Each structure stands twice: as C-alpha cells, then as structure tokens.
Amino acid sequence: MKENRILNEIGNRNPFSVPENYFENFANQFEAQIALKPVSPFKLLRPWMYMAAMFLGVFFMSRIVYTVYADNKIADAENYELYVMSQVNDVENLEYFDAEVSETTNK
C-alpha cells in the first residue's frame, strides 16, 4: 500500500537525462581527450626515479640495521668477557695473567 502511494507520487518518469547530441559527439570528444600529447622526459623518468629512491632507502635502512646488529654483537661479547672475569677471584686472575705473561716470554 505504501509502495503504491510512493509510486503514484513519483510516477514512471526517469530522473536522469542525457545532454543533447551526447551519443553522436561521444566518439569525437573521446578521441580529443585521449589524443597524443607531448610527454616531458621528466614524466617518463619519474617512475624510475621513484623506484631508484625506494631501493636506495631499503639499502640504507638495511645497512643501519646491520650496523646496529654488529655493534650489539660486539658489546655482548665484551659483556660476556667482563662477566666471566667478575666470577673469578683476584688470585685466580693474577695467576692466569702471570701464566699468560710467562708463556709469551718463553716463546
């Protein structure tokens, strides 16, 4: 019932319209819009420059990550050596270094 009332108010008219001679002039307008225009060299090289910049960014970021990783690895080795040395008492440290010195002088 409600649908019939709305349909009677609106009727069968089409709310959309097409401009005059649209279909007759469509092909000509379309060709005019896509006609070949001169393209600047910068426009042709722009995608390649973007790709080169992206690869350089990836390279530098990976280099930074690798440098941080290598520095942490060296710091971990140094910390391990300090930890081992802290677990040994002073007398053992002196005996170890005395043995090292005597081995190098006897060679």
PDB file of N, CA and C in Angstrom:
ATOM      1  N   MET A   1       0.826  -1.188   0.000  1.00  0.00           N
ATOM      2  CA  MET A   1       0.000   0.000   0.000  1.00  0.00           C
ATOM      3  C   MET A   1       0.875   1.259   0.000  1.00  0.00           C
ATOM      4  N   LYS A   2       1.869   1.233   0.887  1.00  0.00           N
ATOM      5  CA  LYS A   2       2.777   2.373   0.985  1.00  0.00           C
ATOM      6  C   LYS A   2       3.578   2.526  -0.315  1.00  0.00           C
ATOM      7  N   GLU A   3       3.982   1.376  -0.895  1.00  0.00           N
ATOM      8  CA  GLU A   3       4.761   1.398  -2.137  1.00  0.00           C
ATOM      9  C   GLU A   3       3.921   1.965  -3.279  1.00  0.00           C
ATOM     10  N   ASN A   4       2.668   1.606  -3.347  1.00  0.00           N
ATOM     11  CA  ASN A   4       1.792   2.123  -4.404  1.00  0.00           C
ATOM     12  C   ASN A   4       1.645   3.640  -4.300  1.00  0.00           C
ATOM     13  N   ARG A   5       1.547   4.149  -3.068  1.00  0.00           N
ATOM     14  CA  ARG A   5       1.403   5.589  -2.874  1.00  0.00           C
ATOM     15  C   ARG A   5       2.667   6.308  -3.357  1.00  0.00           C
ATOM     16  N   ILE A   6       3.839   5.789  -3.003  1.00  0.00           N
ATOM     17  CA  ILE A   6       5.107   6.398  -3.421  1.00  0.00           C
ATOM     18  C   ILE A   6       5.244   6.325  -4.935  1.00  0.00           C
ATOM     19  N   LEU A   7       4.883   5.168  -5.523  1.00  0.00           N
ATOM     20  CA  LEU A   7       4.977   5.003  -6.965  1.00  0.00           C
ATOM     21  C   LEU A   7       4.022   5.956  -7.682  1.00  0.00           C
ATOM     22  N   ASN A   8       2.827   6.184  -7.127  1.00  0.00           N
ATOM     23  CA  ASN A   8       1.883   7.120  -7.737  1.00  0.00           C
ATOM     24  C   ASN A   8       2.394   8.558  -7.666  1.00  0.00           C
ATOM     25  N   GLU A   9       3.091   8.899  -6.564  1.00  0.00           N
ATOM     26  CA  GLU A   9       3.637  10.255  -6.423  1.00  0.00           C
ATOM     27  C   GLU A   9       4.777  10.491  -7.414  1.00  0.00           C
ATOM     28  N   ILE A  10       5.638   9.519  -7.550  1.00  0.00           N
ATOM     29  CA  ILE A  10       6.804   9.666  -8.427  1.00  0.00           C
ATOM     30  C   ILE A  10       6.415   9.444  -9.876  1.00  0.00           C
ATOM     31  N   GLY A  11       5.633   8.444 -10.125  1.00  0.00           N
ATOM     32  CA  GLY A  11       5.233   8.124 -11.492  1.00  0.00           C
ATOM     33  C   GLY A  11       6.296   7.286 -12.176  1.00  0.00           C
ATOM     34  N   ASN A  12       6.193   7.173 -13.469  1.00  0.00           N
ATOM     35  CA  ASN A  12       7.138   6.360 -14.238  1.00  0.00           C
ATOM     36  C   ASN A  12       8.199   7.210 -14.925  1.00  0.00           C
ATOM     37  N   ARG A  13       8.376   8.415 -14.504  1.00  0.00           N
ATOM     38  CA  ARG A  13       9.350   9.292 -15.161  1.00  0.00           C
ATOM     39  C   ARG A  13      10.779   8.899 -14.756  1.00  0.00           C
ATOM     40  N   ASN A  14      11.691   9.116 -15.635  1.00  0.00           N
ATOM     41  CA  ASN A  14      13.100   8.809 -15.411  1.00  0.00           C
ATOM     42  C   ASN A  14      13.777  10.068 -14.868  1.00  0.00           C
ATOM     43  N   PRO A  15      14.406  10.001 -13.694  1.00  0.00           N
ATOM     44  CA  PRO A  15      15.011  11.203 -13.113  1.00  0.00           C
ATOM     45  C   PRO A  15      16.324  11.600 -13.785  1.00  0.00           C
ATOM     46  N   PHE A  16      16.839  10.754 -14.661  1.00  0.00           N
ATOM     47  CA  PHE A  16      18.123  11.040 -15.305  1.00  0.00           C
ATOM     48  C   PHE A  16      17.892  11.500 -16.732  1.00  0.00           C
ATOM     49  N   SER A  17      18.759  12.376 -17.195  1.00  0.00           N
ATOM     50  CA  SER A  17      18.642  12.837 -18.583  1.00  0.00           C
ATOM     51  C   SER A  17      20.024  12.861 -19.218  1.00  0.00           C
ATOM     52  N   VAL A  18      20.056  12.797 -20.527  1.00  0.00           N
ATOM     53  CA  VAL A  18      21.300  12.792 -21.294  1.00  0.00           C
ATOM     54  C   VAL A  18      21.373  14.108 -22.063  1.00  0.00           C
ATOM     55  N   PRO A  19      22.530  14.768 -22.086  1.00  0.00           N
ATOM     56  CA  PRO A  19      22.650  16.018 -22.853  1.00  0.00           C
ATOM     57  C   PRO A  19      22.370  15.787 -24.336  1.00  0.00           C
ATOM     58  N   GLU A  20      22.000  16.848 -25.010  1.00  0.00           N
ATOM     59  CA  GLU A  20      21.693  16.744 -26.433  1.00  0.00           C
ATOM     60  C   GLU A  20      22.920  16.338 -27.230  1.00  0.00           C
ATOM     61  N   ASN A  21      22.726  15.521 -28.246  1.00  0.00           N
ATOM     62  CA  ASN A  21      23.779  15.025 -29.151  1.00  0.00           C
ATOM     63  C   ASN A  21      24.935  14.347 -28.401  1.00  0.00           C
ATOM     64  N   TYR A  22      24.661  13.790 -27.245  1.00  0.00           N
ATOM     65  CA  TYR A  22      25.733  13.161 -26.450  1.00  0.00           C
ATOM     66  C   TYR A  22      26.301  11.968 -27.195  1.00  0.00           C
ATOM     67  N   PHE A  23      25.423  11.085 -27.675  1.00  0.00           N
ATOM     68  CA  PHE A  23      25.910   9.873 -28.316  1.00  0.00           C
ATOM     69  C   PHE A  23      26.479  10.153 -29.705  1.00  0.00           C
ATOM     70  N   GLU A  24      26.029  11.166 -30.376  1.00  0.00           N
ATOM     71  CA  GLU A  24      26.560  11.500 -31.682  1.00  0.00           C
ATOM     72  C   GLU A  24      27.979  12.080 -31.566  1.00  0.00           C
ATOM     73  N   ASN A  25      28.226  12.875 -30.548  1.00  0.00           N
ATOM     74  CA  ASN A  25      29.528  13.536 -30.381  1.00  0.00           C
ATOM     75  C   ASN A  25      30.469  12.776 -29.455  1.00  0.00           C
ATOM     76  N   PHE A  26      30.030  11.654 -28.928  1.00  0.00           N
ATOM     77  CA  PHE A  26      30.842  10.943 -27.938  1.00  0.00           C
ATOM     78  C   PHE A  26      32.183  10.493 -28.506  1.00  0.00           C
ATOM     79  N   ALA A  27      32.183   9.882 -29.681  1.00  0.00           N
ATOM     80  CA  ALA A  27      33.418   9.369 -30.273  1.00  0.00           C
ATOM     81  C   ALA A  27      34.417  10.493 -30.511  1.00  0.00           C
ATOM     82  N   ASN A  28      33.943  11.625 -31.035  1.00  0.00           N
ATOM     83  CA  ASN A  28      34.851  12.753 -31.308  1.00  0.00           C
ATOM     84  C   ASN A  28      35.423  13.332 -30.012  1.00  0.00           C
ATOM     85  N   GLN A  29      34.588  13.482 -28.999  1.00  0.00           N
ATOM     86  CA  GLN A  29      35.061  14.011 -27.712  1.00  0.00           C
ATOM     87  C   GLN A  29      36.060  13.053 -27.069  1.00  0.00           C
ATOM     88  N   PHE A  30      35.787  11.757 -27.194  1.00  0.00           N
ATOM     89  CA  PHE A  30      36.687  10.766 -26.598  1.00  0.00           C
ATOM     90  C   PHE A  30      38.054  10.806 -27.272  1.00  0.00           C
ATOM     91  N   GLU A  31      38.084  10.868 -28.592  1.00  0.00           N
ATOM     92  CA  GLU A  31      39.352  10.946 -29.319  1.00  0.00           C
ATOM     93  C   GLU A  31      40.107  12.228 -28.987  1.00  0.00           C
ATOM     94  N   ALA A  32      39.389  13.321 -28.817  1.00  0.00           N
ATOM     95  CA  ALA A  32      40.046  14.587 -28.487  1.00  0.00           C
ATOM     96  C   ALA A  32      40.679  14.532 -27.095  1.00  0.00           C
ATOM     97  N   GLN A  33      40.032  13.825 -26.205  1.00  0.00           N
ATOM     98  CA  GLN A  33      40.568  13.749 -24.847  1.00  0.00           C
ATOM     99  C   GLN A  33      41.792  12.849 -24.756  1.00  0.00           C
ATOM    100  N   ILE A  34      41.845  11.795 -25.567  1.00  0.00           N
ATOM    101  CA  ILE A  34      42.978  10.868 -25.467  1.00  0.00           C
ATOM    102  C   ILE A  34      44.024  11.102 -26.545  1.00  0.00           C
ATOM    103  N   ALA A  35      43.911  12.186 -27.274  1.00  0.00           N
ATOM    104  CA  ALA A  35      44.883  12.485 -28.336  1.00  0.00           C
ATOM    105  C   ALA A  35      46.286  12.525 -27.744  1.00  0.00           C
ATOM    106  N   LEU A  36      47.244  12.071 -28.536  1.00  0.00           N
ATOM    107  CA  LEU A  36      48.622  12.039 -28.065  1.00  0.00           C
ATOM    108  C   LEU A  36      49.139  13.447 -27.846  1.00  0.00           C
ATOM    109  N   LYS A  37      49.621  13.659 -26.666  1.00  0.00           N
ATOM    110  CA  LYS A  37      50.202  14.948 -26.316  1.00  0.00           C
ATOM    111  C   LYS A  37      51.675  14.720 -26.041  1.00  0.00           C
ATOM    112  N   PRO A  38      52.515  15.704 -26.278  1.00  0.00           N
ATOM    113  CA  PRO A  38      53.945  15.512 -25.988  1.00  0.00           C
ATOM    114  C   PRO A  38      54.161  15.298 -24.493  1.00  0.00           C
ATOM    115  N   VAL A  39      55.002  14.338 -24.184  1.00  0.00           N
ATOM    116  CA  VAL A  39      55.281  13.991 -22.798  1.00  0.00           C
ATOM    117  C   VAL A  39      56.700  14.421 -22.474  1.00  0.00           C
ATOM    118  N   SER A  40      56.870  15.088 -21.368  1.00  0.00           N
ATOM    119  CA  SER A  40      58.200  15.558 -20.987  1.00  0.00           C
ATOM    120  C   SER A  40      59.060  14.373 -20.539  1.00  0.00           C
ATOM    121  N   PRO A  41      60.373  14.462 -20.726  1.00  0.00           N
ATOM    122  CA  PRO A  41      61.261  13.368 -20.298  1.00  0.00           C
ATOM    123  C   PRO A  41      61.179  13.129 -18.785  1.00  0.00           C
ATOM    124  N   PHE A  42      60.957  14.194 -18.039  1.00  0.00           N
ATOM    125  CA  PHE A  42      60.858  14.027 -16.590  1.00  0.00           C
ATOM    126  C   PHE A  42      59.675  13.139 -16.223  1.00  0.00           C
ATOM    127  N   LYS A  43      58.558  13.283 -16.953  1.00  0.00           N
ATOM    128  CA  LYS A  43      57.386  12.467 -16.685  1.00  0.00           C
ATOM    129  C   LYS A  43      57.659  11.001 -16.993  1.00  0.00           C
ATOM    130  N   LEU A  44      58.469  10.747 -18.020  1.00  0.00           N
ATOM    131  CA  LEU A  44      58.811   9.372 -18.363  1.00  0.00           C
ATOM    132  C   LEU A  44      59.775   8.763 -17.353  1.00  0.00           C
ATOM    133  N   LEU A  45      60.686   9.569 -16.817  1.00  0.00           N
ATOM    134  CA  LEU A  45      61.690   9.059 -15.886  1.00  0.00           C
ATOM    135  C   LEU A  45      61.214   9.027 -14.437  1.00  0.00           C
ATOM    136  N   ARG A  46      60.119   9.694 -14.147  1.00  0.00           N
ATOM    137  CA  ARG A  46      59.648   9.796 -12.769  1.00  0.00           C
ATOM    138  C   ARG A  46      59.453   8.428 -12.096  1.00  0.00           C
ATOM    139  N   PRO A  47      58.791   7.448 -12.722  1.00  0.00           N
ATOM    140  CA  PRO A  47      58.644   6.151 -12.048  1.00  0.00           C
ATOM    141  C   PRO A  47      59.981   5.479 -11.767  1.00  0.00           C
ATOM    142  N   TRP A  48      60.924   5.623 -12.693  1.00  0.00           N
ATOM    143  CA  TRP A  48      62.244   5.017 -12.481  1.00  0.00           C
ATOM    144  C   TRP A  48      62.990   5.700 -11.331  1.00  0.00           C
ATOM    145  N   MET A  49      62.835   7.011 -11.228  1.00  0.00           N
ATOM    146  CA  MET A  49      63.480   7.724 -10.119  1.00  0.00           C
ATOM    147  C   MET A  49      62.863   7.316  -8.780  1.00  0.00           C
ATOM    148  N   TYR A  50      61.541   7.143  -8.768  1.00  0.00           N
ATOM    149  CA  TYR A  50      60.887   6.689  -7.541  1.00  0.00           C
ATOM    150  C   TYR A  50      61.388   5.306  -7.146  1.00  0.00           C
ATOM    151  N   MET A  51      61.531   4.415  -8.123  1.00  0.00           N
ATOM    152  CA  MET A  51      61.993   3.069  -7.821  1.00  0.00           C
ATOM    153  C   MET A  51      63.444   3.094  -7.330  1.00  0.00           C
ATOM    154  N   ALA A  52      64.283   3.911  -7.957  1.00  0.00           N
ATOM    155  CA  ALA A  52      65.678   4.026  -7.511  1.00  0.00           C
ATOM    156  C   ALA A  52      65.750   4.576  -6.091  1.00  0.00           C
ATOM    157  N   ALA A  53      64.925   5.563  -5.789  1.00  0.00           N
ATOM    158  CA  ALA A  53      64.906   6.126  -4.432  1.00  0.00           C
ATOM    159  C   ALA A  53      64.436   5.075  -3.425  1.00  0.00           C
ATOM    160  N   MET A  54      63.477   4.260  -3.816  1.00  0.00           N
ATOM    161  CA  MET A  54      62.997   3.217  -2.920  1.00  0.00           C
ATOM    162  C   MET A  54      64.108   2.210  -2.632  1.00  0.00           C
ATOM    163  N   PHE A  55      64.825   1.769  -3.675  1.00  0.00           N
ATOM    164  CA  PHE A  55      65.905   0.805  -3.466  1.00  0.00           C
ATOM    165  C   PHE A  55      67.036   1.400  -2.629  1.00  0.00           C
ATOM    166  N   LEU A  56      67.355   2.656  -2.847  1.00  0.00           N
ATOM    167  CA  LEU A  56      68.377   3.303  -2.017  1.00  0.00           C
ATOM    168  C   LEU A  56      67.922   3.373  -0.564  1.00  0.00           C
ATOM    169  N   GLY A  57      66.650   3.690  -0.339  1.00  0.00           N
ATOM    170  CA  GLY A  57      66.119   3.725   1.020  1.00  0.00           C
ATOM    171  C   GLY A  57      66.198   2.366   1.686  1.00  0.00           C
ATOM    172  N   VAL A  58      65.850   1.312   0.960  1.00  0.00           N
ATOM    173  CA  VAL A  58      65.933  -0.047   1.514  1.00  0.00           C
ATOM    174  C   VAL A  58      67.382  -0.400   1.810  1.00  0.00           C
ATOM    175  N   PHE A  59      68.298  -0.041   0.909  1.00  0.00           N
ATOM    176  CA  PHE A  59      69.711  -0.336   1.124  1.00  0.00           C
ATOM    177  C   PHE A  59      70.238   0.354   2.380  1.00  0.00           C
ATOM    178  N   PHE A  60      69.949   1.649   2.528  1.00  0.00           N
ATOM    179  CA  PHE A  60      70.460   2.381   3.680  1.00  0.00           C
ATOM    180  C   PHE A  60      69.815   1.902   4.984  1.00  0.00           C
ATOM    181  N   MET A  61      68.543   1.576   4.939  1.00  0.00           N
ATOM    182  CA  MET A  61      67.887   1.067   6.153  1.00  0.00           C
ATOM    183  C   MET A  61      68.474  -0.282   6.559  1.00  0.00           C
ATOM    184  N   SER A  62      68.727  -1.165   5.580  1.00  0.00           N
ATOM    185  CA  SER A  62      69.321  -2.461   5.920  1.00  0.00           C
ATOM    186  C   SER A  62      70.745  -2.276   6.428  1.00  0.00           C
ATOM    187  N   ARG A  63      71.459  -1.305   5.890  1.00  0.00           N
ATOM    188  CA  ARG A  63      72.825  -1.031   6.363  1.00  0.00           C
ATOM    189  C   ARG A  63      72.801  -0.562   7.827  1.00  0.00           C
ATOM    190  N   ILE A  64      71.851   0.278   8.165  1.00  0.00           N
ATOM    191  CA  ILE A  64      71.722   0.754   9.547  1.00  0.00           C
ATOM    192  C   ILE A  64      71.382  -0.398  10.477  1.00  0.00           C
ATOM    193  N   VAL A  65      70.448  -1.247  10.066  1.00  0.00           N
ATOM    194  CA  VAL A  65      70.061  -2.389  10.900  1.00  0.00           C
ATOM    195  C   VAL A  65      71.247  -3.315  11.099  1.00  0.00           C
ATOM    196  N   TYR A  66      72.021  -3.583  10.034  1.00  0.00           N
ATOM    197  CA  TYR A  66      73.180  -4.460  10.157  1.00  0.00           C
ATOM    198  C   TYR A  66      74.235  -3.854  11.082  1.00  0.00           C
ATOM    199  N   THR A  67      74.466  -2.555  10.978  1.00  0.00           N
ATOM    200  CA  THR A  67      75.456  -1.896  11.833  1.00  0.00           C
ATOM    201  C   THR A  67      75.053  -1.992  13.300  1.00  0.00           C
ATOM    202  N   VAL A  68      73.790  -1.760  13.589  1.00  0.00           N
ATOM    203  CA  VAL A  68      73.319  -1.865  14.973  1.00  0.00           C
ATOM    204  C   VAL A  68      73.467  -3.303  15.471  1.00  0.00           C
ATOM    205  N   TYR A  69      73.142  -4.275  14.611  1.00  0.00           N
ATOM    206  CA  TYR A  69      73.266  -5.688  14.990  1.00  0.00           C
ATOM    207  C   TYR A  69      74.720  -6.037  15.279  1.00  0.00           C
ATOM    208  N   ALA A  70      75.651  -5.603  14.425  1.00  0.00           N
ATOM    209  CA  ALA A  70      77.072  -5.907  14.624  1.00  0.00           C
ATOM    210  C   ALA A  70      77.589  -5.247  15.903  1.00  0.00           C
ATOM    211  N   ASP A  71      77.189  -4.005  16.162  1.00  0.00           N
ATOM    212  CA  ASP A  71      77.618  -3.330  17.387  1.00  0.00           C
ATOM    213  C   ASP A  71      77.099  -4.051  18.625  1.00  0.00           C
ATOM    214  N   ASN A  72      75.860  -4.507  18.568  1.00  0.00           N
ATOM    215  CA  ASN A  72      75.301  -5.243  19.710  1.00  0.00           C
ATOM    216  C   ASN A  72      76.015  -6.567  19.917  1.00  0.00           C
ATOM    217  N   LYS A  73      76.403  -7.214  18.820  1.00  0.00           N
ATOM    218  CA  LYS A  73      77.114  -8.488  18.932  1.00  0.00           C
ATOM    219  C   LYS A  73      78.474  -8.288  19.605  1.00  0.00           C
ATOM    220  N   ILE A  74      79.177  -7.226  19.224  1.00  0.00           N
ATOM    221  CA  ILE A  74      80.476  -6.924  19.840  1.00  0.00           C
ATOM    222  C   ILE A  74      80.286  -6.571  21.322  1.00  0.00           C
ATOM    223  N   ALA A  75      79.272  -5.776  21.625  1.00  0.00           N
ATOM    224  CA  ALA A  75      79.010  -5.392  23.013  1.00  0.00           C
ATOM    225  C   ALA A  75      78.648  -6.610  23.844  1.00  0.00           C
ATOM    226  N   ASP A  76      77.902  -7.546  23.283  1.00  0.00           N
ATOM    227  CA  ASP A  76      77.556  -8.769  24.009  1.00  0.00           C
ATOM    228  C   ASP A  76      78.800  -9.587  24.324  1.00  0.00           C
ATOM    229  N   ALA A  77      79.745  -9.679  23.373  1.00  0.00           N
ATOM    230  CA  ALA A  77      80.980 -10.427  23.604  1.00  0.00           C
ATOM    231  C   ALA A  77      81.805  -9.761  24.707  1.00  0.00           C
ATOM    232  N   GLU A  78      81.875  -8.450  24.674  1.00  0.00           N
ATOM    233  CA  GLU A  78      82.628  -7.744  25.719  1.00  0.00           C
ATOM    234  C   GLU A  78      81.966  -7.902  27.085  1.00  0.00           C
ATOM    235  N   ASN A  79      80.660  -7.829  27.111  1.00  0.00           N
ATOM    236  CA  ASN A  79      79.952  -8.007  28.384  1.00  0.00           C
ATOM    237  C   ASN A  79      80.129  -9.415  28.922  1.00  0.00           C
ATOM    238  N   TYR A  80      80.168 -10.416  28.036  1.00  0.00           N
ATOM    239  CA  TYR A  80      80.370 -11.787  28.487  1.00  0.00           C
ATOM    240  C   TYR A  80      81.763 -11.953  29.100  1.00  0.00           C
ATOM    241  N   GLU A  81      82.752 -11.344  28.457  1.00  0.00           N
ATOM    242  CA  GLU A  81      84.114 -11.427  28.991  1.00  0.00           C
ATOM    243  C   GLU A  81      84.195 -10.757  30.363  1.00  0.00           C
ATOM    244  N   LEU A  82      83.564  -9.599  30.511  1.00  0.00           N
ATOM    245  CA  LEU A  82      83.562  -8.929  31.812  1.00  0.00           C
ATOM    246  C   LEU A  82      82.819  -9.757  32.855  1.00  0.00           C
ATOM    247  N   TYR A  83      81.748 -10.418  32.458  1.00  0.00           N
ATOM    248  CA  TYR A  83      81.004 -11.259  33.391  1.00  0.00           C
ATOM    249  C   TYR A  83      81.857 -12.430  33.855  1.00  0.00           C
ATOM    250  N   VAL A  84      82.549 -13.076  32.926  1.00  0.00           N
ATOM    251  CA  VAL A  84      83.396 -14.219  33.301  1.00  0.00           C
ATOM    252  C   VAL A  84      84.501 -13.759  34.237  1.00  0.00           C
ATOM    253  N   MET A  85      85.099 -12.613  33.914  1.00  0.00           N
ATOM    254  CA  MET A  85      86.173 -12.112  34.769  1.00  0.00           C
ATOM    255  C   MET A  85      85.657 -11.710  36.151  1.00  0.00           C
ATOM    256  N   SER A  86      84.422 -11.307  36.250  1.00  0.00           N
ATOM    257  CA  SER A  86      83.878 -10.915  37.553  1.00  0.00           C
ATOM    258  C   SER A  86      83.576 -12.135  38.423  1.00  0.00           C
ATOM    259  N   GLN A  87      83.449 -13.300  37.803  1.00  0.00           N
ATOM    260  CA  GLN A  87      83.140 -14.510  38.567  1.00  0.00           C
ATOM    261  C   GLN A  87      84.401 -15.174  39.134  1.00  0.00           C
ATOM    262  N   VAL A  88      85.553 -14.726  38.677  1.00  0.00           N
ATOM    263  CA  VAL A  88      86.811 -15.298  39.135  1.00  0.00           C
ATOM    264  C   VAL A  88      87.414 -14.348  40.164  1.00  0.00           C
ATOM    265  N   ASN A  89      87.977 -14.917  41.231  1.00  0.00           N
ATOM    266  CA  ASN A  89      88.539 -14.034  42.272  1.00  0.00           C
ATOM    267  C   ASN A  89      89.890 -13.475  41.818  1.00  0.00           C
ATOM    268  N   ASP A  90      90.418 -12.522  42.568  1.00  0.00           N
ATOM    269  CA  ASP A  90      91.629 -11.796  42.177  1.00  0.00           C
ATOM    270  C   ASP A  90      92.854 -12.691  42.118  1.00  0.00           C
ATOM    271  N   VAL A  91      92.961 -13.633  42.993  1.00  0.00           N
ATOM    272  CA  VAL A  91      94.132 -14.502  42.998  1.00  0.00           C
ATOM    273  C   VAL A  91      94.175 -15.323  41.715  1.00  0.00           C
ATOM    274  N   GLU A  92      93.035 -15.851  41.316  1.00  0.00           N
ATOM    275  CA  GLU A  92      92.989 -16.622  40.068  1.00  0.00           C
ATOM    276  C   GLU A  92      93.282 -15.740  38.863  1.00  0.00           C
ATOM    277  N   ASN A  93      92.817 -14.505  38.897  1.00  0.00           N
ATOM    278  CA  ASN A  93      93.114 -13.573  37.809  1.00  0.00           C
ATOM    279  C   ASN A  93      94.611 -13.325  37.700  1.00  0.00           C
ATOM    280  N   LEU A  94      95.266 -13.103  38.836  1.00  0.00           N
ATOM    281  CA  LEU A  94      96.708 -12.852  38.819  1.00  0.00           C
ATOM    282  C   LEU A  94      97.468 -14.079  38.330  1.00  0.00           C
ATOM    283  N   GLU A  95      97.057 -15.264  38.760  1.00  0.00           N
ATOM    284  CA  GLU A  95      97.728 -16.483  38.302  1.00  0.00           C
ATOM    285  C   GLU A  95      97.541 -16.672  36.797  1.00  0.00           C
ATOM    286  N   TYR A  96      96.326 -16.378  36.301  1.00  0.00           N
ATOM    287  CA  TYR A  96      96.055 -16.519  34.866  1.00  0.00           C
ATOM    288  C   TYR A  96      96.926 -15.561  34.053  1.00  0.00           C
ATOM    289  N   PHE A  97      96.982 -14.304  34.457  1.00  0.00           N
ATOM    290  CA  PHE A  97      97.773 -13.327  33.706  1.00  0.00           C
ATOM    291  C   PHE A  97      99.265 -13.600  33.849  1.00  0.00           C
ATOM    292  N   ASP A  98      99.712 -14.106  35.007  1.00  0.00           N
ATOM    293  CA  ASP A  98     101.111 -14.466  35.205  1.00  0.00           C
ATOM    294  C   ASP A  98     101.490 -15.611  34.275  1.00  0.00           C
ATOM    295  N   ALA A  99     100.567 -16.588  34.133  1.00  0.00           N
ATOM    296  CA  ALA A  99     100.835 -17.711  33.228  1.00  0.00           C
ATOM    297  C   ALA A  99     100.871 -17.230  31.782  1.00  0.00           C
ATOM    298  N   GLU A 100      99.997 -16.314  31.419  1.00  0.00           N
ATOM    299  CA  GLU A 100      99.992 -15.763  30.058  1.00  0.00           C
ATOM    300  C   GLU A 100     101.299 -15.043  29.759  1.00  0.00           C
ATOM    301  N   VAL A 101     101.771 -14.241  30.711  1.00  0.00           N
ATOM    302  CA  VAL A 101     102.995 -13.474  30.509  1.00  0.00           C
ATOM    303  C   VAL A 101     104.181 -14.403  30.414  1.00  0.00           C
ATOM    304  N   SER A 102     104.231 -15.416  31.239  1.00  0.00           N
ATOM    305  CA  SER A 102     105.383 -16.347  31.204  1.00  0.00           C
ATOM    306  C   SER A 102     105.374 -17.147  29.916  1.00  0.00           C
ATOM    307  N   GLU A 103     104.195 -17.476  29.358  1.00  0.00           N
ATOM    308  CA  GLU A 103     104.143 -18.219  28.085  1.00  0.00           C
ATOM    309  C   GLU A 103     104.648 -17.354  26.935  1.00  0.00           C
ATOM    310  N   THR A 104     104.289 -16.083  26.940  1.00  0.00           N
ATOM    311  CA  THR A 104     104.706 -15.214  25.839  1.00  0.00           C
ATOM    312  C   THR A 104     106.206 -14.879  25.922  1.00  0.00           C
ATOM    313  N   THR A 105     106.743 -14.832  27.132  1.00  0.00           N
ATOM    314  CA  THR A 105     108.167 -14.517  27.253  1.00  0.00           C
ATOM    315  C   THR A 105     109.029 -15.739  26.962  1.00  0.00           C
ATOM    316  N   ASN A 106     108.502 -16.944  27.128  1.00  0.00           N
ATOM    317  CA  ASN A 106     109.273 -18.157  26.870  1.00  0.00           C
ATOM    318  C   ASN A 106     109.319 -18.527  25.396  1.00  0.00           C
ATOM    319  N   LYS A 107     108.545 -17.916  24.580  1.00  0.00           N
ATOM    320  CA  LYS A 107     108.499 -18.268  23.157  1.00  0.00           C
ATOM    321  C   LYS A 107     109.661 -17.722  22.423  1.00  0.00           C
TER     322      LYS A 107
END
